[in-house]
Each structure stands twice: as structure tokens, then as C-alpha cells.
């Protein structure tokens, strides 16, 4: 979806102000980024159970194999995000990830992969070369679990890079004016 500038004889706006109309075109997703809805099973005590990932005998994620993607997680990490947390633009040169949460996160992605047919495409829906950031818009803590296909080593060989959010503006909370 986007916005386009229109003119109307029935509307008179202040000088240099534009009138926009929603275009409703379907936004392309970033190539090779998939959103898979997890089944939630309620329990007898008011809680729930959710299967984050299921692996085959070779360690590949079954729900991704069904889409033709081989992903073999080697590590699971957990982040506890305080209410209102905003963490923007980091990018992995080699690592791919699967994210699951216990709550709501607004996720932003930008494709910076050289030669990708969706290069520069922004989406709210993680592959290596795709910058990602997130916001916890709630007043509660949210736990983010993520599975990686590379081990975290915690030294200068770690292939996680940061991008100054001032250099790559993308507010995925407010609609962009096209």
C-alpha cells in the first residue's frame, strides 16, 4: 500500500500542502522472507502452548522445508525487551534467523543484498543481508526467541554489523508518504 498525490476541485489546502489518496496496491514482500503462522494450543489453565520449530532427522526446520528452504538452526537465543524498546538496523553478513515472541513486536526489514530482485524493498514482516529492527509497542516486557544457523562467538569475528538509523530512515510505525 502507498499514497499518491491527487488534485481535487472540492478541496482547498494551504499553499504547498499536498492531498494524498491511499493506493491499496499489494506490497511486495522481500524475496526469501517468509511469515509462517504458528498454531497456538490453549491449555486448561488459561495459558497456551506454541511449537516454535520442529526439526527433521537432519536438523532442518520442517515448516521451511515445505517451502523449499533448508535451514538448520545451531543456536537459540532469548532477548527480554523492555516496554517501548526500539532497536534499529543491524545486519548479518552470513547468518539467517527465525524469530518467535510471546507478545507483539513491530518488525522492520530492508533488503540490502547485492543483486537481489527486491533490493531496497522495505517490509514489516530474516536473511543474511537483510537489515532488521524492532519496536516493542506495548507496556509489557516481550521475550524474543531467535534461532540462528551460525554460532555467536562474541568477538571481532562476529558478523553482525550496525547501521546508523539516521542514515537509513524507515519508520514502520507511521505510513510512509510515497
N, C-alpha and C. Protein backbone atom coordinates (compact mmCIF):
# COMPACT_ATOMS: atom_id res chain seq x y z
N UNK A 1 0.85 -1.17 0.00
CA UNK A 1 0.00 0.00 0.00
C UNK A 1 0.89 1.23 0.00
N UNK A 2 0.35 2.28 -0.55
CA UNK A 2 1.10 3.52 -0.60
C UNK A 2 0.15 4.69 -0.73
N UNK A 3 0.71 5.84 -0.94
CA UNK A 3 -0.07 7.06 -1.11
C UNK A 3 0.38 7.74 -2.39
N UNK A 4 -0.59 8.37 -3.08
CA UNK A 4 -0.25 9.15 -4.26
C UNK A 4 -0.85 10.54 -4.12
N UNK A 5 -0.18 11.53 -4.68
CA UNK A 5 -0.66 12.91 -4.64
C UNK A 5 -1.80 13.03 -5.65
N UNK A 6 -2.90 13.66 -5.22
CA UNK A 6 -4.02 13.90 -6.13
C UNK A 6 -4.43 15.36 -6.04
N UNK A 7 -5.20 15.79 -7.02
CA UNK A 7 -5.78 17.13 -7.03
C UNK A 7 -7.29 16.98 -6.93
N UNK A 8 -7.94 17.91 -6.26
CA UNK A 8 -9.39 17.90 -6.16
C UNK A 8 -9.90 19.33 -6.21
N UNK A 9 -10.94 19.54 -7.02
CA UNK A 9 -11.55 20.87 -7.11
C UNK A 9 -12.41 21.17 -5.89
N UNK A 10 -12.73 20.13 -5.10
CA UNK A 10 -13.59 20.31 -3.93
C UNK A 10 -12.81 20.61 -2.65
N UNK A 11 -11.50 20.47 -2.70
CA UNK A 11 -10.66 20.65 -1.51
C UNK A 11 -9.66 21.77 -1.79
N UNK A 12 -9.54 22.70 -0.84
CA UNK A 12 -8.53 23.75 -0.96
C UNK A 12 -7.61 23.68 0.26
N UNK A 13 -6.40 23.26 0.04
CA UNK A 13 -5.42 23.10 1.11
C UNK A 13 -4.53 24.33 1.18
N UNK A 14 -3.82 24.52 2.28
CA UNK A 14 -2.86 25.62 2.36
C UNK A 14 -1.81 25.47 1.25
N UNK A 15 -1.19 26.58 0.90
CA UNK A 15 -0.17 26.59 -0.14
C UNK A 15 0.92 25.56 0.18
N UNK A 16 1.37 24.86 -0.82
CA UNK A 16 2.43 23.84 -0.74
C UNK A 16 2.03 22.59 0.04
N UNK A 17 0.75 22.45 0.39
CA UNK A 17 0.28 21.22 1.03
C UNK A 17 -0.25 20.28 -0.06
N UNK A 18 -0.01 19.00 0.11
CA UNK A 18 -0.47 18.01 -0.86
C UNK A 18 -1.62 17.20 -0.29
N UNK A 19 -2.50 16.78 -1.18
CA UNK A 19 -3.60 15.88 -0.84
C UNK A 19 -3.20 14.49 -1.32
N UNK A 20 -3.34 13.50 -0.45
CA UNK A 20 -2.91 12.14 -0.78
C UNK A 20 -4.11 11.20 -0.80
N UNK A 21 -4.02 10.17 -1.64
CA UNK A 21 -5.02 9.11 -1.68
C UNK A 21 -4.29 7.78 -1.47
N UNK A 22 -4.90 6.91 -0.68
CA UNK A 22 -4.36 5.56 -0.47
C UNK A 22 -4.43 4.80 -1.79
N UNK A 23 -3.37 4.10 -2.16
CA UNK A 23 -3.36 3.38 -3.44
C UNK A 23 -3.81 1.94 -3.32
N UNK A 24 -3.65 1.32 -2.17
CA UNK A 24 -4.09 -0.05 -1.89
C UNK A 24 -3.42 -1.12 -2.74
N UNK A 25 -2.31 -0.80 -3.41
CA UNK A 25 -1.64 -1.87 -4.13
C UNK A 25 -0.99 -2.80 -3.12
N UNK A 26 -0.89 -4.05 -3.51
CA UNK A 26 -0.30 -5.04 -2.61
C UNK A 26 1.20 -4.81 -2.54
N UNK A 27 1.72 -4.73 -1.33
CA UNK A 27 3.15 -4.53 -1.13
C UNK A 27 3.88 -5.83 -1.39
N UNK A 28 4.93 -5.76 -2.21
CA UNK A 28 5.76 -6.93 -2.44
C UNK A 28 6.50 -7.28 -1.17
N UNK A 29 6.63 -8.56 -0.93
CA UNK A 29 7.46 -8.95 0.21
C UNK A 29 8.89 -9.12 -0.28
N UNK A 30 9.80 -9.13 0.64
CA UNK A 30 11.20 -9.31 0.30
C UNK A 30 11.41 -10.76 -0.12
N UNK A 31 12.12 -10.96 -1.22
CA UNK A 31 12.37 -12.31 -1.71
C UNK A 31 13.03 -13.16 -0.63
N UNK A 32 12.52 -14.35 -0.43
CA UNK A 32 13.03 -15.35 0.51
C UNK A 32 12.72 -15.04 1.97
N UNK A 33 11.91 -14.02 2.26
CA UNK A 33 11.44 -13.77 3.62
C UNK A 33 10.05 -14.38 3.74
N UNK A 34 9.85 -15.24 4.72
CA UNK A 34 8.59 -15.95 4.88
C UNK A 34 8.02 -15.70 6.27
N UNK A 35 6.71 -15.52 6.33
CA UNK A 35 6.00 -15.41 7.60
C UNK A 35 5.15 -16.66 7.73
N UNK A 36 5.38 -17.41 8.77
CA UNK A 36 4.65 -18.65 9.00
C UNK A 36 3.92 -18.52 10.32
N UNK A 37 2.59 -18.62 10.27
CA UNK A 37 1.78 -18.50 11.48
C UNK A 37 1.88 -19.80 12.28
N UNK A 38 2.22 -19.67 13.54
CA UNK A 38 2.35 -20.83 14.41
C UNK A 38 0.99 -21.19 15.01
N UNK A 39 0.72 -22.47 15.11
CA UNK A 39 -0.51 -22.93 15.76
C UNK A 39 -0.38 -22.70 17.27
N UNK A 40 -1.45 -22.20 17.86
CA UNK A 40 -1.49 -21.96 19.31
C UNK A 40 -2.51 -22.93 19.90
N UNK A 41 -2.09 -23.65 20.93
CA UNK A 41 -2.95 -24.63 21.58
C UNK A 41 -3.23 -24.16 23.00
N UNK A 42 -4.49 -23.77 23.32
CA UNK A 42 -4.80 -23.33 24.68
C UNK A 42 -4.70 -24.50 25.66
N UNK A 43 -4.33 -24.17 26.91
CA UNK A 43 -4.30 -25.22 27.92
C UNK A 43 -5.45 -25.03 28.91
N UNK A 44 -5.57 -25.93 29.86
CA UNK A 44 -6.68 -25.91 30.81
C UNK A 44 -6.57 -24.83 31.87
N UNK A 45 -5.45 -24.10 31.91
CA UNK A 45 -5.22 -23.13 32.97
C UNK A 45 -5.18 -21.70 32.48
N UNK A 46 -5.64 -21.46 31.25
CA UNK A 46 -5.68 -20.11 30.72
C UNK A 46 -4.44 -19.71 29.94
N UNK A 47 -3.46 -20.57 29.86
CA UNK A 47 -2.25 -20.28 29.09
C UNK A 47 -2.32 -20.90 27.71
N UNK A 48 -1.18 -21.12 27.10
CA UNK A 48 -1.14 -21.71 25.77
C UNK A 48 0.19 -22.40 25.53
N UNK A 49 0.22 -23.22 24.49
CA UNK A 49 1.42 -23.90 24.01
C UNK A 49 1.57 -23.56 22.54
N UNK A 50 2.80 -23.24 22.14
CA UNK A 50 3.09 -22.91 20.74
C UNK A 50 4.39 -23.62 20.37
N UNK A 51 4.36 -24.39 19.29
CA UNK A 51 5.58 -25.07 18.83
C UNK A 51 6.38 -24.09 17.99
N UNK A 52 7.55 -23.68 18.48
CA UNK A 52 8.37 -22.69 17.76
C UNK A 52 8.94 -23.26 16.48
N UNK A 53 9.64 -24.38 16.58
CA UNK A 53 10.16 -25.04 15.39
C UNK A 53 10.13 -26.54 15.60
N UNK A 54 10.04 -27.28 14.50
CA UNK A 54 10.13 -28.73 14.54
C UNK A 54 11.19 -29.12 13.51
N UNK A 55 12.15 -29.93 13.95
CA UNK A 55 13.26 -30.32 13.09
C UNK A 55 13.07 -31.73 12.56
N UNK A 56 13.56 -31.98 11.34
CA UNK A 56 13.58 -33.35 10.84
C UNK A 56 14.83 -34.05 11.35
N UNK A 57 15.03 -35.30 10.94
CA UNK A 57 16.16 -36.08 11.44
C UNK A 57 17.52 -35.50 11.03
N UNK A 58 17.53 -34.59 10.03
CA UNK A 58 18.78 -33.94 9.60
C UNK A 58 18.97 -32.56 10.21
N UNK A 59 18.06 -32.16 11.10
CA UNK A 59 18.18 -30.86 11.76
C UNK A 59 17.62 -29.70 10.98
N UNK A 60 16.85 -29.96 9.91
CA UNK A 60 16.23 -28.89 9.13
C UNK A 60 14.84 -28.57 9.69
N UNK A 61 14.42 -27.31 9.59
CA UNK A 61 13.11 -26.88 10.07
C UNK A 61 12.04 -27.35 9.09
N UNK A 62 11.12 -28.19 9.56
CA UNK A 62 10.12 -28.80 8.68
C UNK A 62 9.24 -27.78 7.96
N UNK A 63 8.78 -26.75 8.67
CA UNK A 63 7.88 -25.78 8.03
C UNK A 63 8.57 -25.02 6.91
N UNK A 64 9.90 -24.92 6.95
CA UNK A 64 10.65 -24.27 5.87
C UNK A 64 10.95 -25.23 4.73
N UNK A 65 11.20 -26.50 5.05
CA UNK A 65 11.43 -27.50 4.01
C UNK A 65 10.22 -27.55 3.08
N UNK A 66 9.01 -27.42 3.66
CA UNK A 66 7.78 -27.42 2.86
C UNK A 66 7.78 -26.27 1.85
N UNK A 67 8.54 -25.21 2.12
CA UNK A 67 8.66 -24.07 1.21
C UNK A 67 9.94 -24.14 0.37
N UNK A 68 10.66 -25.26 0.46
CA UNK A 68 11.87 -25.43 -0.32
C UNK A 68 13.10 -24.76 0.26
N UNK A 69 13.08 -24.46 1.56
CA UNK A 69 14.20 -23.77 2.22
C UNK A 69 14.87 -24.71 3.20
N UNK A 70 16.18 -24.85 3.08
CA UNK A 70 16.93 -25.63 4.06
C UNK A 70 17.50 -24.69 5.11
N UNK A 71 17.11 -24.86 6.34
CA UNK A 71 17.59 -24.04 7.46
C UNK A 71 17.85 -24.98 8.62
N UNK A 72 19.08 -25.00 9.07
CA UNK A 72 19.46 -25.87 10.19
C UNK A 72 19.94 -25.02 11.35
N UNK A 73 19.07 -24.73 12.33
CA UNK A 73 19.50 -23.91 13.46
C UNK A 73 20.55 -24.63 14.30
N UNK A 74 21.52 -23.85 14.76
CA UNK A 74 22.58 -24.40 15.61
C UNK A 74 22.57 -23.76 17.00
N UNK A 75 21.78 -22.68 17.15
CA UNK A 75 21.76 -21.97 18.42
C UNK A 75 20.41 -21.29 18.57
N UNK A 76 19.91 -21.21 19.82
CA UNK A 76 18.70 -20.45 20.13
C UNK A 76 19.07 -19.40 21.15
N UNK A 77 18.63 -18.16 20.92
CA UNK A 77 18.91 -17.05 21.82
C UNK A 77 17.60 -16.46 22.31
N UNK A 78 17.64 -15.80 23.46
CA UNK A 78 16.45 -15.17 24.02
C UNK A 78 16.81 -13.75 24.43
N UNK A 79 15.95 -12.80 24.06
CA UNK A 79 16.13 -11.39 24.42
C UNK A 79 14.89 -10.96 25.18
N UNK A 80 15.05 -10.24 26.29
CA UNK A 80 13.93 -9.70 27.04
C UNK A 80 13.87 -8.20 26.76
N UNK A 81 12.82 -7.77 26.08
CA UNK A 81 12.70 -6.39 25.61
C UNK A 81 11.79 -5.58 26.52
N UNK A 82 12.32 -4.51 27.08
CA UNK A 82 11.54 -3.64 27.96
C UNK A 82 10.46 -2.92 27.16
N UNK A 83 9.39 -2.49 27.82
CA UNK A 83 8.35 -1.73 27.13
C UNK A 83 8.95 -0.52 26.41
N UNK A 84 8.52 -0.30 25.18
CA UNK A 84 8.98 0.85 24.40
C UNK A 84 10.34 0.69 23.76
N UNK A 85 10.98 -0.46 23.92
CA UNK A 85 12.30 -0.68 23.32
C UNK A 85 12.25 -0.48 21.82
N UNK A 86 13.23 0.26 21.30
CA UNK A 86 13.41 0.41 19.85
C UNK A 86 14.85 0.06 19.54
N UNK A 87 15.05 -0.91 18.71
CA UNK A 87 16.41 -1.32 18.34
C UNK A 87 16.46 -1.40 16.82
N UNK A 88 17.26 -0.51 16.25
CA UNK A 88 17.25 -0.41 14.79
C UNK A 88 18.54 -0.81 14.15
N UNK A 89 18.36 -1.27 13.04
CA UNK A 89 19.23 -1.62 11.93
C UNK A 89 20.53 -2.28 12.33
N UNK A 90 20.43 -3.57 12.38
CA UNK A 90 21.64 -4.38 12.35
C UNK A 90 21.46 -5.42 11.26
N UNK A 91 22.57 -5.92 10.79
CA UNK A 91 22.56 -6.76 9.59
C UNK A 91 23.63 -7.84 9.75
N UNK A 92 23.32 -9.04 9.33
CA UNK A 92 24.26 -10.16 9.41
C UNK A 92 24.77 -10.48 8.01
N UNK A 93 26.06 -10.63 7.88
CA UNK A 93 26.65 -10.90 6.57
C UNK A 93 26.45 -12.35 6.15
N UNK A 94 26.34 -13.26 7.09
CA UNK A 94 26.20 -14.68 6.77
C UNK A 94 25.01 -15.35 7.46
N UNK A 95 24.61 -14.89 8.63
CA UNK A 95 23.64 -15.57 9.48
C UNK A 95 22.20 -15.34 9.03
N UNK A 96 21.39 -16.40 9.06
CA UNK A 96 19.95 -16.33 8.84
C UNK A 96 19.26 -16.60 10.17
N UNK A 97 18.01 -16.12 10.34
CA UNK A 97 17.34 -16.25 11.63
C UNK A 97 15.87 -16.60 11.47
N UNK A 98 15.32 -17.24 12.50
CA UNK A 98 13.88 -17.43 12.68
C UNK A 98 13.54 -16.76 14.00
N UNK A 99 12.49 -15.93 14.03
CA UNK A 99 12.09 -15.22 15.25
C UNK A 99 10.73 -15.72 15.72
N UNK A 100 10.59 -15.89 17.04
CA UNK A 100 9.28 -16.11 17.67
C UNK A 100 9.22 -15.24 18.91
N UNK A 101 8.02 -14.83 19.31
CA UNK A 101 7.86 -14.00 20.51
C UNK A 101 6.71 -14.51 21.36
N UNK A 102 6.63 -13.99 22.56
CA UNK A 102 5.49 -14.28 23.42
C UNK A 102 4.50 -13.13 23.41
N UNK A 103 4.73 -12.13 22.58
CA UNK A 103 3.87 -10.95 22.55
C UNK A 103 3.89 -10.29 21.19
N UNK A 104 3.75 -8.98 21.19
CA UNK A 104 3.69 -8.21 19.95
C UNK A 104 4.97 -7.42 19.75
N UNK A 105 5.56 -7.55 18.57
CA UNK A 105 6.68 -6.72 18.16
C UNK A 105 6.37 -6.18 16.77
N UNK A 106 6.71 -4.94 16.52
CA UNK A 106 6.66 -4.40 15.17
C UNK A 106 8.05 -4.60 14.59
N UNK A 107 8.11 -5.30 13.48
CA UNK A 107 9.40 -5.66 12.87
C UNK A 107 9.55 -4.91 11.56
N UNK A 108 10.71 -4.36 11.33
CA UNK A 108 11.01 -3.70 10.06
C UNK A 108 12.20 -4.36 9.40
N UNK A 109 12.12 -4.58 8.09
CA UNK A 109 13.20 -5.20 7.33
C UNK A 109 13.48 -4.38 6.08
N UNK A 110 14.73 -4.28 5.70
CA UNK A 110 15.12 -3.63 4.44
C UNK A 110 16.12 -4.54 3.75
N UNK A 111 15.87 -4.85 2.49
CA UNK A 111 16.74 -5.74 1.72
C UNK A 111 17.94 -4.97 1.19
N UNK A 112 19.13 -5.28 1.70
CA UNK A 112 20.37 -4.67 1.22
C UNK A 112 21.27 -5.69 0.52
N UNK A 113 20.70 -6.83 0.10
CA UNK A 113 21.50 -7.86 -0.56
C UNK A 113 21.81 -7.45 -1.99
N UNK A 114 23.09 -7.37 -2.30
CA UNK A 114 23.54 -7.01 -3.65
C UNK A 114 22.97 -8.00 -4.66
N UNK A 115 22.37 -7.47 -5.73
CA UNK A 115 21.84 -8.31 -6.79
C UNK A 115 20.48 -8.91 -6.52
N UNK A 116 19.90 -8.67 -5.35
CA UNK A 116 18.58 -9.21 -5.03
C UNK A 116 17.51 -8.51 -5.86
N UNK A 117 16.53 -9.26 -6.40
CA UNK A 117 15.45 -8.60 -7.15
C UNK A 117 14.59 -7.69 -6.29
N UNK A 118 14.67 -7.83 -4.98
CA UNK A 118 13.91 -6.95 -4.09
C UNK A 118 14.84 -6.00 -3.32
N UNK A 119 16.03 -5.71 -3.88
CA UNK A 119 16.98 -4.79 -3.24
C UNK A 119 16.30 -3.46 -2.92
N UNK A 120 16.48 -2.97 -1.71
CA UNK A 120 15.90 -1.71 -1.29
C UNK A 120 14.46 -1.82 -0.83
N UNK A 121 13.82 -2.97 -1.05
CA UNK A 121 12.43 -3.18 -0.64
C UNK A 121 12.36 -3.15 0.88
N UNK A 122 11.38 -2.45 1.39
CA UNK A 122 11.15 -2.39 2.84
C UNK A 122 9.91 -3.21 3.14
N UNK A 123 9.90 -3.87 4.26
CA UNK A 123 8.72 -4.63 4.64
C UNK A 123 8.62 -4.70 6.15
N UNK A 124 7.44 -5.06 6.62
CA UNK A 124 7.21 -5.16 8.06
C UNK A 124 7.17 -6.63 8.49
N UNK A 125 7.41 -7.38 7.79
CA UNK A 125 7.30 -8.78 8.08
C UNK A 125 8.66 -9.23 8.64
N UNK A 126 14.34 -13.61 8.33
CA UNK A 126 15.43 -12.61 8.27
C UNK A 126 16.57 -13.33 7.56
N UNK A 127 16.93 -12.87 6.59
CA UNK A 127 18.01 -13.48 5.88
C UNK A 127 19.28 -12.67 6.04
N UNK A 128 20.43 -13.30 5.82
CA UNK A 128 21.67 -12.53 5.83
C UNK A 128 21.58 -11.47 4.75
N UNK A 129 22.06 -10.28 5.04
CA UNK A 129 22.00 -9.18 4.09
C UNK A 129 20.72 -8.37 4.17
N UNK A 130 19.78 -8.76 5.04
CA UNK A 130 18.54 -8.01 5.23
C UNK A 130 18.61 -7.32 6.58
N UNK A 131 18.65 -5.99 6.56
CA UNK A 131 18.71 -5.22 7.81
C UNK A 131 17.40 -5.36 8.55
N UNK A 132 17.47 -5.43 9.87
CA UNK A 132 16.26 -5.60 10.65
C UNK A 132 16.32 -4.77 11.93
N UNK A 133 15.14 -4.37 12.36
CA UNK A 133 14.97 -3.63 13.59
C UNK A 133 13.61 -3.95 14.17
N UNK A 134 13.38 -3.55 15.40
CA UNK A 134 12.09 -3.84 16.00
C UNK A 134 11.75 -2.83 17.07
N UNK A 135 10.46 -2.80 17.38
CA UNK A 135 9.91 -1.93 18.43
C UNK A 135 8.98 -2.78 19.28
N UNK A 136 9.07 -2.65 20.58
CA UNK A 136 8.08 -3.22 21.49
C UNK A 136 7.08 -2.10 21.77
N UNK A 137 5.91 -2.11 21.09
CA UNK A 137 4.96 -1.00 21.24
C UNK A 137 4.06 -1.12 22.46
N UNK A 138 4.26 -2.15 23.27
CA UNK A 138 3.36 -2.42 24.39
C UNK A 138 3.91 -1.85 25.69
N UNK A 139 3.12 -1.97 26.75
CA UNK A 139 3.58 -1.55 28.07
C UNK A 139 4.02 -2.76 28.91
N UNK A 140 4.28 -3.88 28.22
CA UNK A 140 4.72 -5.10 28.89
C UNK A 140 6.06 -5.55 28.29
N UNK A 141 6.80 -6.32 29.06
CA UNK A 141 8.02 -6.93 28.53
C UNK A 141 7.64 -7.97 27.48
N UNK A 142 8.43 -8.08 26.43
CA UNK A 142 8.22 -9.09 25.40
C UNK A 142 9.50 -9.90 25.28
N UNK A 143 9.36 -11.22 25.22
CA UNK A 143 10.50 -12.09 25.01
C UNK A 143 10.59 -12.43 23.54
N UNK A 144 11.76 -12.21 22.96
CA UNK A 144 12.04 -12.58 21.57
C UNK A 144 12.99 -13.76 21.58
N UNK A 145 12.56 -14.88 21.03
CA UNK A 145 13.43 -16.03 20.84
C UNK A 145 13.84 -16.05 19.38
N UNK A 146 15.12 -16.26 19.12
CA UNK A 146 15.50 -16.39 17.72
C UNK A 146 16.51 -17.51 17.53
N UNK A 147 16.31 -18.22 16.44
CA UNK A 147 17.12 -19.37 16.09
C UNK A 147 18.05 -18.96 14.97
N UNK A 148 19.33 -19.30 15.06
CA UNK A 148 20.31 -18.91 14.05
C UNK A 148 20.97 -20.14 13.44
N UNK A 149 21.48 -19.96 12.23
CA UNK A 149 22.23 -21.04 11.60
C UNK A 149 23.74 -20.83 11.71
N UNK A 150 24.15 -19.87 12.54
CA UNK A 150 25.56 -19.62 12.84
C UNK A 150 25.69 -19.45 14.35
N UNK A 151 26.82 -19.88 14.90
CA UNK A 151 27.07 -19.72 16.33
C UNK A 151 27.50 -18.29 16.64
N UNK A 152 27.05 -17.75 17.76
CA UNK A 152 27.52 -16.46 18.25
C UNK A 152 28.87 -16.68 18.90
N UNK A 153 29.86 -15.87 18.51
CA UNK A 153 31.20 -16.05 19.07
C UNK A 153 31.62 -14.91 19.98
N UNK A 154 30.95 -13.75 19.89
CA UNK A 154 31.21 -12.65 20.82
C UNK A 154 32.58 -12.02 20.71
N UNK A 155 33.15 -11.98 19.52
CA UNK A 155 34.41 -11.27 19.32
C UNK A 155 34.39 -10.60 17.95
N UNK A 156 35.56 -10.14 17.49
CA UNK A 156 35.60 -9.37 16.24
C UNK A 156 35.26 -10.21 15.01
N UNK A 157 35.17 -11.53 15.14
CA UNK A 157 34.77 -12.36 14.00
C UNK A 157 33.26 -12.47 13.88
N UNK A 158 32.51 -11.99 14.88
CA UNK A 158 31.05 -11.99 14.80
C UNK A 158 30.63 -11.11 13.63
N UNK A 159 29.78 -11.65 12.76
CA UNK A 159 29.41 -10.95 11.53
C UNK A 159 28.11 -10.18 11.68
N UNK A 160 27.92 -9.50 12.82
CA UNK A 160 26.75 -8.63 12.99
C UNK A 160 27.24 -7.20 12.85
N UNK A 161 26.63 -6.46 11.96
CA UNK A 161 27.04 -5.09 11.69
C UNK A 161 25.89 -4.16 12.05
N UNK A 162 26.19 -2.94 12.42
CA UNK A 162 25.18 -1.94 12.77
C UNK A 162 25.12 -0.86 11.70
N UNK A 163 23.94 -0.29 11.53
CA UNK A 163 23.73 0.82 10.61
C UNK A 163 23.09 1.94 11.40
N UNK A 164 23.60 3.15 11.28
CA UNK A 164 23.04 4.31 11.98
C UNK A 164 21.62 4.54 11.47
N UNK A 165 20.60 4.51 12.35
CA UNK A 165 19.23 4.71 11.89
C UNK A 165 19.01 6.07 11.23
N UNK A 166 19.88 7.04 11.51
CA UNK A 166 19.75 8.34 10.84
C UNK A 166 20.12 8.23 9.37
N UNK A 167 20.96 7.23 9.03
CA UNK A 167 21.38 7.04 7.64
C UNK A 167 20.37 6.26 6.82
N UNK A 168 19.50 5.50 7.48
CA UNK A 168 18.52 4.67 6.79
C UNK A 168 17.17 4.89 7.46
N UNK A 169 16.51 6.01 7.16
CA UNK A 169 15.22 6.27 7.81
C UNK A 169 14.14 5.34 7.27
N UNK A 170 13.43 4.70 8.17
CA UNK A 170 12.28 3.86 7.82
C UNK A 170 11.48 3.70 9.09
N UNK A 171 10.43 4.49 9.22
CA UNK A 171 9.56 4.43 10.38
C UNK A 171 8.44 3.47 10.05
N UNK A 172 8.51 2.25 10.56
CA UNK A 172 7.48 1.28 10.22
C UNK A 172 6.29 1.35 11.15
N UNK A 173 6.21 2.41 11.95
CA UNK A 173 5.02 2.66 12.76
C UNK A 173 4.10 3.62 12.02
N UNK A 174 4.67 4.64 11.40
CA UNK A 174 3.90 5.62 10.64
C UNK A 174 3.94 5.26 9.16
N UNK A 175 2.83 5.47 8.42
CA UNK A 175 2.87 5.18 6.99
C UNK A 175 3.82 6.14 6.28
N UNK A 176 4.53 5.61 5.29
CA UNK A 176 5.43 6.46 4.51
C UNK A 176 4.63 7.18 3.44
N UNK A 177 5.00 8.41 3.17
CA UNK A 177 4.40 9.14 2.07
C UNK A 177 5.21 8.82 0.83
N UNK A 178 4.54 8.27 -0.16
CA UNK A 178 5.23 7.86 -1.39
C UNK A 178 5.35 9.03 -2.34
